[in-house]
Amino acid sequence: MSMEKRETFSSRLGFVLISAGCAIGLGNVWRFPYITGKYGGAAFVLLYLLFLVILGLPVMVMELAVGRASQRSIALSFQRLEPKGSKWHWYSYVGFAGNYLLMMFYTVIAGWLLYYFVEMLRGGFTGLDAGGVAEKFSDLLSHPGTMTLYMALVVCIGMLVCAQGLRNGVERVSKVMMVCLLALMVVLAVNSVLLPGAGEGLRFYLQPNFHNLAYDANGNWILGEAVFAAMGQAFFTLSLGIGAIAIFGSYIGKEHRLAGEALRIGVLDTCVAFVAGLIIFPACSAYGVSTVEGSALVFLTLPNIFNHMPLGNLWGAAFFLFLSFAALSTVIAVFENIISFTMDRWGISRKKAVLINFIGVLVLSMPCILGCNLWSGFTVLGMDISGIEDFLVSQNLLPLGSLVYVLFCTHRRGWGWKRFLAEANEGEGLAFPQGVRFYVSYILPLIVLFIFVMGYWSQFGPG
């Protein structure tokens, strides 16, 4: 047990903003617009929202309930709630490893965003065509020293914030960061919507066309792919399964029911993803480019668009500042979980836990950096180092960890349905419905297993 008294949030707003900040990340910006564009625009958004409600939010309520009932991080939460003699607590180390694996590549990408913000601000992209933008990104990847500098800056910022404590550091800074993030998004969205030629992108994004959800441009049936993509986005966007949400449940009181809190977090996370689409689709439409997958959208396509836009350096810098805030909000939230785990498990002070994990994250993030250049030839099953780390987290630990939380909260040999429901529904607000017991006990685990299996199929299956 930690030697320090358990901290709590100073306000409900702080809890919602920080928990949403953990969920809000780069997937909201570079994955959501791409898969929305690929699978039918507005019709896909409606399908995604459906799965967010029936898949993502129940798991979030369970993770929050485990955290609040135990008043501990994933280090001791299962141990405090599990029946005597059971082994649920073994998962705590797996969840801790998941947090570390996530930060081993996420801090590197966050460093890229800070680099792009600085370069946009100083006019480093001025005059570059599409090839020049691509060359600049390749140049960044080929310099491990530059990447290490910006990664270390991200780790320093995150750890310094966490060193100040929950209220004085994590909550205070995250509130300001999230408000700035939301304000920047609104400004960027208004600018994109007002661009000449933005109307076509807006119609695609806001006007449902269910034919596009079922068939691609060549007339091929894609509804099954679209359903799985909607499931995956609804599931992965909330960062469930590794205790990163449970830790914030451990810092709140019992004044409010957890279904309402989870809904608020989910709505805020979805709003960020939706507004990101309002930034990207009109801009891509106005300049006649497609929304492409993954990092190419953020680091190649969008800088090229800003480079041709009036006041492009200003808008580009604002965009990458917004992205940096989104990434840092996740980094700070996951760092807090890592630090709290260290404090709970080994009973050390916050300052000592910060120092230990500062060194740990710095060292363990280096393989991802070197995998872009000096170790670029190292692959496992066709994946480079960052790909391996991402695959282990996204396709393994998140779904399997979520399955652990679901079974723990519903199985009679775990914490159990009655105890979970009592904890989730303590306080005022939206209740978690008793009538969904069969669904969350039997159907929801099968959906999570389906996502896990399909993750392997999409990675290693034919085609």
Protein backbone atom coordinates (compact mmCIF):
# COMPACT_ATOMS: atom_id res chain seq x y z
CA MET A 1 0.00 0.00 0.00
CA SER A 2 1.17 3.50 -0.79
CA MET A 3 2.57 5.49 2.10
CA GLU A 4 0.78 8.61 0.88
CA LYS A 5 -2.86 9.46 1.54
CA ARG A 6 -5.15 8.75 -1.42
CA GLU A 7 -5.82 11.89 -3.43
CA THR A 8 -9.16 12.86 -4.96
CA PHE A 9 -10.28 15.17 -7.74
CA SER A 10 -11.25 18.69 -6.70
CA SER A 11 -14.25 18.70 -9.05
CA ARG A 12 -16.43 16.47 -11.17
CA LEU A 13 -15.40 18.48 -14.24
CA GLY A 14 -11.77 17.61 -13.59
CA PHE A 15 -12.58 13.90 -13.50
CA VAL A 16 -14.57 14.02 -16.75
CA LEU A 17 -11.98 16.11 -18.62
CA ILE A 18 -9.01 14.00 -17.53
CA SER A 19 -10.76 10.68 -18.16
CA ALA A 20 -11.84 11.94 -21.58
CA GLY A 21 -8.28 13.18 -22.13
CA CYS A 22 -7.05 9.63 -21.59
CA ALA A 23 -9.48 8.38 -24.24
CA ILE A 24 -8.90 11.27 -26.64
CA GLY A 25 -5.82 10.64 -28.69
CA LEU A 26 -4.42 10.31 -32.16
CA GLY A 27 -6.96 7.63 -33.12
CA ASN A 28 -9.63 10.32 -32.94
CA VAL A 29 -7.77 12.35 -35.56
CA TRP A 30 -5.91 10.03 -37.92
CA ARG A 31 -8.02 6.85 -37.73
CA PHE A 32 -11.59 8.08 -37.32
CA PRO A 33 -11.63 10.33 -40.43
CA TYR A 34 -9.94 7.67 -42.54
CA ILE A 35 -12.31 4.81 -41.70
CA THR A 36 -15.29 7.18 -41.87
CA GLY A 37 -14.23 8.13 -45.37
CA LYS A 38 -13.60 4.50 -46.36
CA TYR A 39 -16.92 3.15 -45.08
CA GLY A 40 -19.55 5.63 -46.17
CA GLY A 41 -19.22 8.89 -44.27
CA ALA A 42 -22.21 9.89 -42.15
CA ALA A 43 -23.80 6.42 -42.30
CA PHE A 44 -20.67 4.93 -40.75
CA VAL A 45 -20.72 7.58 -37.98
CA LEU A 46 -24.22 6.41 -36.99
CA LEU A 47 -23.06 2.78 -36.90
CA TYR A 48 -20.04 3.78 -34.82
CA LEU A 49 -22.25 5.61 -32.29
CA LEU A 50 -24.43 2.52 -31.92
CA PHE A 51 -21.44 0.33 -31.06
CA LEU A 52 -20.04 2.99 -28.74
CA VAL A 53 -23.21 2.73 -26.64
CA ILE A 54 -23.59 -1.06 -26.63
CA LEU A 55 -19.92 -2.01 -26.54
CA GLY A 56 -17.60 0.74 -25.30
CA LEU A 57 -19.66 2.32 -22.53
CA PRO A 58 -20.54 -0.89 -20.59
CA VAL A 59 -16.85 -1.85 -20.40
CA MET A 60 -15.97 1.68 -19.28
CA VAL A 61 -18.56 1.52 -16.47
CA MET A 62 -17.04 -1.77 -15.30
CA GLU A 63 -13.50 -0.43 -15.31
CA LEU A 64 -14.57 2.71 -13.43
CA ALA A 65 -16.49 0.58 -10.90
CA VAL A 66 -13.46 -1.62 -10.17
CA GLY A 67 -11.35 1.49 -9.63
CA ARG A 68 -13.86 3.29 -7.40
CA ALA A 69 -14.73 0.27 -5.29
CA SER A 70 -11.09 -0.64 -4.66
CA GLN A 71 -9.77 2.94 -4.35
CA ARG A 72 -6.56 1.64 -5.89
CA SER A 73 -4.81 1.43 -9.26
CA ILE A 74 -4.67 -1.79 -11.27
CA ALA A 75 -1.78 -2.81 -8.99
CA LEU A 76 -4.14 -3.71 -6.14
CA SER A 77 -7.72 -3.22 -7.43
CA PHE A 78 -8.38 -6.87 -8.33
CA GLN A 79 -6.63 -8.05 -5.19
CA ARG A 80 -8.92 -5.93 -3.01
CA LEU A 81 -12.15 -7.09 -4.66
CA GLU A 82 -11.54 -10.70 -5.72
CA PRO A 83 -12.75 -13.71 -3.71
CA LYS A 84 -10.13 -15.18 -1.40
CA GLY A 85 -7.83 -17.62 -3.15
CA SER A 86 -8.66 -16.49 -6.70
CA LYS A 87 -6.05 -15.32 -9.21
CA TRP A 88 -7.65 -12.32 -10.91
CA HIS A 89 -4.87 -10.09 -9.53
CA TRP A 90 -2.36 -11.78 -11.81
CA TYR A 91 -3.69 -9.57 -14.58
CA SER A 92 -2.40 -6.46 -12.79
CA TYR A 93 1.12 -6.98 -14.13
CA VAL A 94 -0.18 -7.55 -17.66
CA GLY A 95 -2.16 -4.30 -17.48
CA PHE A 96 0.90 -2.46 -16.18
CA ALA A 97 2.95 -3.83 -19.07
CA GLY A 98 0.22 -2.61 -21.44
CA ASN A 99 0.57 0.93 -20.14
CA TYR A 100 4.33 0.80 -20.64
CA LEU A 101 4.06 -0.70 -24.13
CA LEU A 102 1.63 2.04 -25.13
CA MET A 103 4.00 4.75 -23.94
CA MET A 104 7.00 3.15 -25.66
CA PHE A 105 5.68 4.26 -29.06
CA TYR A 106 3.09 6.89 -28.13
CA THR A 107 5.67 9.25 -26.62
CA VAL A 108 7.68 9.03 -29.86
CA ILE A 109 4.65 9.98 -31.99
CA ALA A 110 3.80 12.79 -29.57
CA GLY A 111 7.36 14.00 -30.09
CA TRP A 112 6.78 14.09 -33.86
CA LEU A 113 3.75 16.32 -33.26
CA LEU A 114 5.78 18.77 -31.15
CA TYR A 115 8.44 18.83 -33.89
CA TYR A 116 5.80 19.60 -36.53
CA PHE A 117 4.31 22.35 -34.34
CA VAL A 118 7.72 24.01 -34.02
CA GLU A 119 8.44 23.61 -37.75
CA MET A 120 5.05 25.02 -38.75
CA LEU A 121 5.53 27.97 -36.42
CA ARG A 122 8.96 28.80 -37.84
CA GLY A 123 7.88 28.35 -41.47
CA GLY A 124 9.79 25.13 -42.05
CA PHE A 125 7.18 23.87 -44.56
CA THR A 126 6.89 27.09 -46.57
CA GLY A 127 7.36 26.52 -50.28
CA LEU A 128 7.40 22.72 -50.10
CA ASP A 129 5.34 20.62 -52.49
CA ALA A 130 3.96 17.17 -51.63
CA GLY A 131 7.34 15.57 -52.31
CA GLY A 132 9.08 18.14 -50.12
CA VAL A 133 6.72 17.45 -47.22
CA ALA A 134 7.33 13.71 -47.54
CA GLU A 135 11.08 14.29 -47.67
CA LYS A 136 10.92 16.39 -44.49
CA PHE A 137 9.10 13.59 -42.66
CA SER A 138 11.64 11.03 -43.91
CA ASP A 139 14.43 13.32 -42.77
CA LEU A 140 12.92 13.42 -39.26
CA LEU A 141 12.74 9.61 -39.12
CA SER A 142 16.36 9.29 -40.23
CA HIS A 143 17.68 11.41 -37.33
CA PRO A 144 17.44 9.50 -34.01
CA GLY A 145 18.94 12.47 -32.14
CA THR A 146 16.12 14.83 -33.13
CA MET A 147 13.47 12.21 -32.38
CA THR A 148 15.03 11.45 -28.99
CA LEU A 149 15.09 15.16 -28.09
CA TYR A 150 11.38 15.62 -28.76
CA MET A 151 10.43 12.29 -27.18
CA ALA A 152 12.37 13.27 -24.05
CA LEU A 153 10.56 16.62 -24.02
CA VAL A 154 7.20 14.80 -24.05
CA VAL A 155 8.29 12.50 -21.21
CA CYS A 156 9.62 15.46 -19.19
CA ILE A 157 6.36 17.39 -19.57
CA GLY A 158 4.24 14.39 -18.61
CA MET A 159 6.31 13.37 -15.61
CA LEU A 160 6.70 16.94 -14.30
CA VAL A 161 2.92 17.36 -14.38
CA CYS A 162 2.38 14.05 -12.56
CA ALA A 163 5.07 14.92 -9.99
CA GLN A 164 2.91 17.80 -8.76
CA GLY A 165 0.19 15.42 -7.66
CA LEU A 166 -3.35 14.71 -8.80
CA ARG A 167 -4.97 18.08 -8.05
CA ASN A 168 -2.04 20.46 -8.40
CA GLY A 169 -0.53 18.73 -11.42
CA VAL A 170 -2.64 16.28 -13.41
CA GLU A 171 -6.03 17.90 -12.84
CA ARG A 172 -4.95 21.54 -13.07
CA VAL A 173 -2.85 21.13 -16.23
CA SER A 174 -5.25 18.73 -17.95
CA LYS A 175 -8.17 21.10 -17.45
CA VAL A 176 -6.32 23.95 -19.16
CA MET A 177 -5.01 21.65 -21.89
CA MET A 178 -8.44 20.17 -22.65
CA VAL A 179 -10.13 23.58 -22.77
CA CYS A 180 -7.41 24.82 -25.16
CA LEU A 181 -7.76 21.64 -27.23
CA LEU A 182 -11.53 22.09 -27.60
CA ALA A 183 -11.18 25.80 -28.41
CA LEU A 184 -8.52 25.12 -31.06
CA MET A 185 -10.72 22.45 -32.63
CA VAL A 186 -13.66 24.82 -32.97
CA VAL A 187 -11.48 27.50 -34.60
CA LEU A 188 -9.90 24.99 -37.00
CA ALA A 189 -13.28 23.47 -37.90
CA VAL A 190 -14.79 26.88 -38.68
CA ASN A 191 -11.79 27.70 -40.88
CA SER A 192 -12.10 24.39 -42.79
CA VAL A 193 -15.87 24.67 -43.26
CA LEU A 194 -15.50 28.17 -44.76
CA LEU A 195 -12.87 27.11 -47.33
CA PRO A 196 -13.98 27.40 -50.99
CA GLY A 197 -14.95 23.92 -52.20
CA ALA A 198 -15.57 22.51 -48.71
CA GLY A 199 -19.24 21.73 -49.39
CA GLU A 200 -18.70 18.34 -51.03
CA GLY A 201 -16.70 17.08 -48.06
CA LEU A 202 -19.33 18.36 -45.63
CA ARG A 203 -22.17 16.62 -47.50
CA PHE A 204 -20.27 13.33 -47.50
CA TYR A 205 -19.54 13.64 -43.77
CA LEU A 206 -22.95 14.88 -42.55
CA GLN A 207 -25.51 13.41 -44.99
CA PRO A 208 -26.02 9.64 -44.44
CA ASN A 209 -25.82 7.43 -47.52
CA PHE A 210 -26.37 3.82 -46.51
CA HIS A 211 -25.49 2.55 -49.99
CA ASN A 212 -21.91 3.76 -49.40
CA LEU A 213 -21.90 1.85 -46.11
CA ALA A 214 -22.74 -1.42 -47.87
CA TYR A 215 -20.84 -1.02 -51.16
CA ASP A 216 -17.53 0.57 -52.11
CA ALA A 217 -16.90 2.67 -55.23
CA ASN A 218 -16.38 -0.51 -57.30
CA GLY A 219 -19.65 -2.07 -56.18
CA ASN A 220 -18.06 -4.59 -53.80
CA TRP A 221 -19.98 -5.60 -50.67
CA ILE A 222 -18.18 -4.07 -47.64
CA LEU A 223 -20.89 -4.01 -44.94
CA GLY A 224 -19.16 -6.74 -42.92
CA GLU A 225 -15.87 -4.81 -42.98
CA ALA A 226 -17.71 -1.62 -42.03
CA VAL A 227 -19.40 -3.28 -39.04
CA PHE A 228 -16.07 -4.62 -37.75
CA ALA A 229 -14.40 -1.23 -38.30
CA ALA A 230 -17.17 0.50 -36.34
CA MET A 231 -16.84 -2.05 -33.54
CA GLY A 232 -13.08 -1.60 -33.40
CA GLN A 233 -13.20 2.20 -33.39
CA ALA A 234 -15.90 2.28 -30.69
CA PHE A 235 -13.87 -0.17 -28.61
CA PHE A 236 -10.33 1.12 -29.03
CA THR A 237 -11.12 4.84 -28.85
CA LEU A 238 -11.83 4.67 -25.11
CA SER A 239 -8.45 3.08 -24.12
CA LEU A 240 -10.13 0.31 -22.13
CA GLY A 241 -8.63 -2.83 -20.65
CA ILE A 242 -5.29 -1.74 -19.14
CA GLY A 243 -6.53 0.17 -16.09
CA ALA A 244 -5.92 3.61 -17.61
CA ILE A 245 -9.58 4.52 -16.98
CA ALA A 246 -9.92 2.60 -13.70
CA ILE A 247 -7.28 4.76 -12.03
CA PHE A 248 -9.51 7.83 -12.34
CA GLY A 249 -12.42 5.88 -10.94
CA SER A 250 -10.26 5.31 -7.86
CA TYR A 251 -9.95 9.07 -7.35
CA ILE A 252 -13.69 9.91 -7.26
CA GLY A 253 -16.39 9.74 -4.61
CA LYS A 254 -19.73 7.97 -4.71
CA GLU A 255 -21.97 11.01 -5.33
CA HIS A 256 -22.73 10.09 -8.94
CA ARG A 257 -23.66 6.86 -10.71
CA LEU A 258 -21.00 5.59 -13.08
CA ALA A 259 -23.14 5.09 -16.19
CA GLY A 260 -23.71 8.83 -16.39
CA GLU A 261 -20.00 9.52 -15.88
CA ALA A 262 -19.04 7.04 -18.60
CA LEU A 263 -21.59 8.60 -20.95
CA ARG A 264 -20.10 12.06 -20.41
CA ILE A 265 -16.59 10.78 -21.13
CA GLY A 266 -17.81 8.95 -24.23
CA VAL A 267 -19.68 11.99 -25.53
CA LEU A 268 -16.65 14.25 -25.11
CA ASP A 269 -14.38 11.70 -26.80
CA THR A 270 -16.85 11.34 -29.68
CA CYS A 271 -17.22 15.09 -30.06
CA VAL A 272 -13.46 15.43 -30.54
CA ALA A 273 -13.45 12.69 -33.20
CA PHE A 274 -16.46 14.25 -34.92
CA VAL A 275 -15.01 17.75 -34.97
CA ALA A 276 -11.71 16.31 -36.25
CA GLY A 277 -13.73 15.13 -39.24
CA LEU A 278 -15.11 18.66 -39.66
CA ILE A 279 -11.51 19.89 -39.85
CA ILE A 280 -10.23 17.23 -42.24
CA PHE A 281 -13.05 16.38 -44.70
CA PRO A 282 -13.79 19.97 -45.83
CA ALA A 283 -10.06 20.75 -46.13
CA CYS A 284 -9.36 17.62 -48.17
CA SER A 285 -12.40 18.35 -50.34
CA ALA A 286 -11.35 21.97 -50.88
CA TYR A 287 -7.90 20.95 -52.08
CA GLY A 288 -8.89 17.80 -53.95
CA VAL A 289 -7.00 15.23 -51.86
CA SER A 290 -8.21 12.01 -50.24
CA THR A 291 -8.16 11.13 -46.57
CA VAL A 292 -5.45 8.49 -46.33
CA GLU A 293 -4.73 5.97 -43.60
CA GLY A 294 -2.67 6.48 -40.48
CA SER A 295 0.32 8.72 -40.08
CA ALA A 296 0.34 9.74 -43.77
CA LEU A 297 -2.82 11.80 -43.19
CA VAL A 298 -1.32 13.83 -40.37
CA PHE A 299 2.34 14.03 -41.36
CA LEU A 300 2.11 14.17 -45.18
CA THR A 301 -1.35 15.13 -46.48
CA LEU A 302 -2.43 17.82 -44.02
CA PRO A 303 0.91 19.72 -43.94
CA ASN A 304 0.70 19.90 -47.73
CA ILE A 305 -2.82 21.35 -47.47
CA PHE A 306 -1.76 23.95 -44.90
CA ASN A 307 1.17 24.88 -47.12
CA HIS A 308 -1.26 25.94 -49.86
CA MET A 309 -3.72 27.67 -47.52
CA PRO A 310 -3.71 31.42 -46.80
CA LEU A 311 -2.02 31.92 -43.41
CA GLY A 312 -1.09 28.24 -43.69
CA ASN A 313 1.74 28.42 -41.14
CA LEU A 314 -0.67 29.82 -38.56
CA TRP A 315 -3.38 27.22 -39.21
CA GLY A 316 -0.83 24.42 -39.43
CA ALA A 317 0.80 25.43 -36.15
CA ALA A 318 -2.63 25.61 -34.48
CA PHE A 319 -3.52 22.16 -35.83
CA PHE A 320 -0.34 20.54 -34.56
CA LEU A 321 -0.68 22.33 -31.24
CA PHE A 322 -4.17 20.82 -30.95
CA LEU A 323 -2.75 17.39 -31.82
CA SER A 324 0.05 17.85 -29.28
CA PHE A 325 -2.53 18.64 -26.58
CA ALA A 326 -4.52 15.52 -27.57
CA ALA A 327 -1.40 13.34 -27.37
CA LEU A 328 -0.15 14.90 -24.12
CA SER A 329 -3.55 14.46 -22.45
CA THR A 330 -3.22 10.72 -23.08
CA VAL A 331 0.44 10.66 -22.03
CA ILE A 332 -0.28 12.42 -18.72
CA ALA A 333 -3.26 10.14 -17.97
CA VAL A 334 -1.31 6.94 -18.66
CA PHE A 335 1.73 8.23 -16.76
CA GLU A 336 -0.55 8.82 -13.76
CA ASN A 337 -1.67 5.19 -13.95
CA ILE A 338 1.93 3.97 -14.20
CA ILE A 339 3.00 6.13 -11.26
CA SER A 340 0.02 5.13 -9.14
CA PHE A 341 0.74 1.45 -9.85
CA THR A 342 4.31 1.91 -8.66
CA MET A 343 3.16 3.72 -5.50
CA ASP A 344 0.46 1.15 -4.67
CA ARG A 345 2.54 -1.92 -5.41
CA TRP A 346 5.79 -0.96 -3.70
CA GLY A 347 4.65 1.66 -1.19
CA ILE A 348 6.97 4.42 -2.37
CA SER A 349 6.40 8.17 -2.58
CA ARG A 350 5.09 9.93 -5.67
CA LYS A 351 8.36 11.75 -6.28
CA LYS A 352 10.36 8.50 -6.20
CA ALA A 353 7.80 6.77 -8.44
CA VAL A 354 8.07 9.62 -10.96
CA LEU A 355 11.88 9.38 -11.04
CA ILE A 356 11.88 5.61 -11.53
CA ASN A 357 9.31 5.69 -14.31
CA PHE A 358 10.86 8.75 -15.95
CA ILE A 359 14.04 6.73 -16.50
CA GLY A 360 12.05 3.62 -17.45
CA VAL A 361 9.95 5.31 -20.14
CA LEU A 362 12.97 7.16 -21.59
CA VAL A 363 15.00 3.97 -21.95
CA LEU A 364 12.17 1.77 -23.21
CA SER A 365 11.05 4.32 -25.84
CA MET A 366 14.43 4.16 -27.57
CA PRO A 367 13.78 0.92 -29.54
CA CYS A 368 10.84 2.59 -31.29
CA ILE A 369 13.05 5.52 -32.29
CA LEU A 370 15.89 3.29 -33.48
CA GLY A 371 13.40 1.10 -35.32
CA CYS A 372 12.80 4.05 -37.69
CA ASN A 373 16.44 4.24 -38.73
CA LEU A 374 19.38 2.23 -37.31
CA TRP A 375 17.26 -0.84 -36.51
CA SER A 376 14.84 -0.47 -39.44
CA GLY A 377 15.77 -3.91 -40.75
CA PHE A 378 14.50 -5.63 -37.58
CA THR A 379 11.04 -7.13 -38.11
CA VAL A 380 8.87 -9.81 -36.51
CA LEU A 381 6.10 -11.35 -38.63
CA GLY A 382 6.46 -8.47 -41.05
CA MET A 383 6.13 -5.77 -38.37
CA ASP A 384 8.79 -3.25 -37.36
CA ILE A 385 9.41 -2.35 -33.71
CA SER A 386 6.66 0.27 -33.39
CA GLY A 387 4.29 -2.03 -35.27
CA ILE A 388 5.01 -4.87 -32.83
CA GLU A 389 4.41 -2.59 -29.82
CA ASP A 390 1.19 -1.23 -31.31
CA PHE A 391 -0.04 -4.73 -32.22
CA LEU A 392 0.62 -6.08 -28.74
CA VAL A 393 -1.36 -3.25 -27.15
CA SER A 394 -4.17 -2.64 -29.66
CA GLN A 395 -4.92 -6.19 -30.80
CA ASN A 396 -4.02 -8.11 -27.64
CA LEU A 397 -3.93 -6.29 -24.31
CA LEU A 398 -6.86 -3.90 -24.88
CA PRO A 399 -9.42 -6.54 -25.96
CA LEU A 400 -8.18 -9.28 -23.61
CA GLY A 401 -7.91 -6.81 -20.72
CA SER A 402 -11.45 -5.60 -21.37
CA LEU A 403 -12.59 -9.22 -21.37
CA VAL A 404 -10.97 -9.66 -17.94
CA TYR A 405 -12.88 -6.63 -16.59
CA VAL A 406 -16.19 -7.87 -18.06
CA LEU A 407 -15.81 -11.39 -16.65
CA PHE A 408 -14.58 -10.08 -13.29
CA CYS A 409 -17.68 -7.89 -12.94
CA THR A 410 -20.21 -10.49 -14.07
CA HIS A 411 -18.83 -13.90 -13.06
CA ARG A 412 -19.80 -15.40 -9.71
CA ARG A 413 -16.17 -16.43 -9.15
CA GLY A 414 -15.03 -12.87 -9.72
CA TRP A 415 -16.31 -9.70 -8.08
CA GLY A 416 -19.78 -10.64 -9.25
CA TRP A 417 -22.77 -8.97 -10.89
CA LYS A 418 -24.52 -7.85 -7.69
CA ARG A 419 -21.46 -6.14 -6.22
CA PHE A 420 -20.64 -4.48 -9.55
CA LEU A 421 -24.20 -3.23 -10.05
CA ALA A 422 -24.38 -1.87 -6.49
CA GLU A 423 -21.14 0.06 -7.00
CA ALA A 424 -22.07 1.33 -10.46
CA ASN A 425 -25.47 2.58 -9.28
CA GLU A 426 -24.41 4.21 -6.03
CA GLY A 427 -25.13 7.93 -6.10
CA GLU A 428 -27.36 10.07 -8.30
CA GLY A 429 -27.79 10.12 -12.06
CA LEU A 430 -28.15 7.62 -14.89
CA ALA A 431 -28.39 4.03 -13.63
CA PHE A 432 -26.72 1.02 -15.21
CA PRO A 433 -29.74 -1.12 -16.22
CA GLN A 434 -30.35 -4.39 -14.40
CA GLY A 435 -32.00 -5.82 -17.51
CA VAL A 436 -28.76 -6.01 -19.52
CA ARG A 437 -27.24 -8.69 -17.30
CA PHE A 438 -27.55 -11.47 -19.90
CA TYR A 439 -26.10 -9.22 -22.60
CA VAL A 440 -23.03 -8.08 -20.63
CA SER A 441 -22.44 -11.53 -19.13
CA TYR A 442 -22.62 -13.62 -22.31
CA ILE A 443 -22.96 -11.58 -25.51
CA LEU A 444 -20.53 -8.76 -24.72
CA PRO A 445 -17.63 -11.17 -23.98
CA LEU A 446 -18.28 -12.88 -27.33
CA ILE A 447 -18.15 -9.52 -29.14
CA VAL A 448 -14.84 -8.69 -27.46
CA LEU A 449 -13.47 -12.12 -28.42
CA PHE A 450 -14.66 -11.53 -31.98
CA ILE A 451 -12.74 -8.23 -32.09
CA PHE A 452 -9.65 -10.01 -30.75
CA VAL A 453 -9.84 -12.80 -33.36
CA MET A 454 -10.58 -10.39 -36.22
CA GLY A 455 -7.57 -8.33 -35.19
CA TYR A 456 -5.37 -11.35 -35.87
CA TRP A 457 -7.24 -12.16 -39.08
CA SER A 458 -6.78 -8.63 -40.42
CA GLN A 459 -3.06 -8.75 -39.52
CA PHE A 460 -2.15 -12.26 -40.67
CA GLY A 461 -5.09 -13.54 -42.72
CA PRO A 462 -5.03 -13.95 -46.51
CA GLY A 463 -5.05 -10.64 -48.41
